[in-house]
Amino acid sequence: MAIERSFGLLKGRFRSLLTTLAMERVDLIPKYIIACCVLHNICLLKNDDFPSTVELLPEAVQYHDQVGGNVAVNRLGLIKRYDICERLL
């Protein structure tokens, strides 16, 4: 059960894991998942909380993908990624 919970937490933080990854090279998928784990651990170290329970209906995920997502959330994600990059450099 621990592995299912771990993937659930990753999917909550990294929504791209909720759907099929748009990657042509299958050998890169494990590296992508490892990168998500590393970023998740950095977020934990920096006390960057997120809801521990994320409930998305499959229809909501599909609709989110069709309309291009939430612009405000995308902008906040961009700001957060930039901040992480600045702290790592």
Protein backbone atom coordinates (compact mmCIF):
# COMPACT_ATOMS: atom_id res chain seq x y z
CA MET A 1 0.00 0.00 0.00
CA ALA A 2 2.90 2.39 0.59
CA ILE A 3 3.82 2.54 -3.09
CA GLU A 4 0.22 3.35 -4.08
CA ARG A 5 0.14 6.18 -1.53
CA SER A 6 3.49 7.48 -2.79
CA PHE A 7 2.27 7.59 -6.38
CA GLY A 8 -0.96 9.20 -5.19
CA LEU A 9 1.02 11.99 -3.52
CA LEU A 10 3.14 12.46 -6.64
CA LYS A 11 0.05 12.60 -8.84
CA GLY A 12 -1.42 15.20 -6.48
CA ARG A 13 1.60 17.46 -6.82
CA PHE A 14 2.48 16.72 -10.46
CA ARG A 15 -0.73 16.59 -12.46
CA SER A 16 1.11 15.48 -15.60
CA LEU A 17 1.33 12.02 -14.01
CA LEU A 18 -2.47 11.74 -14.05
CA THR A 19 -2.57 11.16 -17.79
CA THR A 20 -0.42 9.45 -20.36
CA LEU A 21 2.96 11.15 -20.57
CA ALA A 22 3.60 12.74 -23.95
CA MET A 23 7.00 11.14 -24.32
CA GLU A 24 8.18 9.23 -27.35
CA ARG A 25 11.19 7.69 -25.61
CA VAL A 26 10.03 5.12 -23.10
CA ASP A 27 13.50 4.96 -21.53
CA LEU A 28 13.07 8.54 -20.26
CA ILE A 29 9.85 7.87 -18.32
CA PRO A 30 11.61 6.45 -15.21
CA LYS A 31 13.90 9.50 -15.19
CA TYR A 32 10.85 11.77 -15.38
CA ILE A 33 9.28 10.00 -12.40
CA ILE A 34 12.55 10.17 -10.45
CA ALA A 35 12.75 13.91 -11.20
CA CYS A 36 9.22 14.29 -9.80
CA CYS A 37 10.30 12.41 -6.66
CA VAL A 38 13.34 14.65 -6.21
CA LEU A 39 11.28 17.82 -6.69
CA HIS A 40 8.66 16.48 -4.28
CA ASN A 41 11.36 15.90 -1.65
CA ILE A 42 12.72 19.42 -2.18
CA CYS A 43 9.21 20.79 -1.67
CA LEU A 44 8.92 18.81 1.57
CA LEU A 45 12.26 20.16 2.79
CA LYS A 46 11.07 23.71 2.05
CA ASN A 47 7.72 23.06 3.82
CA ASP A 48 5.81 23.66 0.60
CA ASP A 49 2.54 21.99 1.51
CA PHE A 50 -0.23 20.88 -0.77
CA PRO A 51 -3.49 19.07 -0.02
CA SER A 52 -2.67 15.51 0.98
CA THR A 53 -5.90 14.23 -0.52
CA VAL A 54 -6.59 15.13 -4.09
CA GLU A 55 -9.84 13.94 -5.58
CA LEU A 56 -10.29 14.42 -9.29
CA LEU A 57 -13.01 12.77 -11.26
CA PRO A 58 -11.84 11.31 -14.57
CA GLU A 59 -14.21 13.69 -16.36
CA ALA A 60 -12.57 16.66 -14.63
CA VAL A 61 -9.11 15.55 -15.69
CA GLN A 62 -10.25 15.05 -19.27
CA TYR A 63 -12.02 18.44 -19.36
CA HIS A 64 -8.96 20.13 -17.81
CA ASP A 65 -6.78 18.73 -20.61
CA GLN A 66 -9.23 19.78 -23.33
CA VAL A 67 -9.51 23.41 -22.29
CA GLY A 68 -5.82 23.87 -21.61
CA GLY A 69 -5.99 24.04 -17.83
CA ASN A 70 -6.46 26.90 -15.43
CA VAL A 71 -4.45 29.97 -16.44
CA ALA A 72 -4.02 31.23 -12.85
CA VAL A 73 -2.82 27.82 -11.67
CA ASN A 74 -0.45 27.54 -14.65
CA ARG A 75 0.98 30.98 -13.83
CA LEU A 76 1.50 30.04 -10.17
CA GLY A 77 3.22 26.86 -11.30
CA LEU A 78 5.52 28.84 -13.56
CA ILE A 79 6.43 31.20 -10.72
CA LYS A 80 7.08 28.29 -8.36
CA ARG A 81 9.29 26.48 -10.92
CA TYR A 82 11.28 29.65 -11.49
CA ASP A 83 11.73 30.06 -7.74
CA ILE A 84 12.95 26.46 -7.39
CA CYS A 85 15.42 26.96 -10.24
CA GLU A 86 16.77 30.13 -8.64
CA ARG A 87 17.27 28.38 -5.30
CA LEU A 88 19.08 25.45 -6.90
CA LEU A 89 21.52 27.59 -8.89
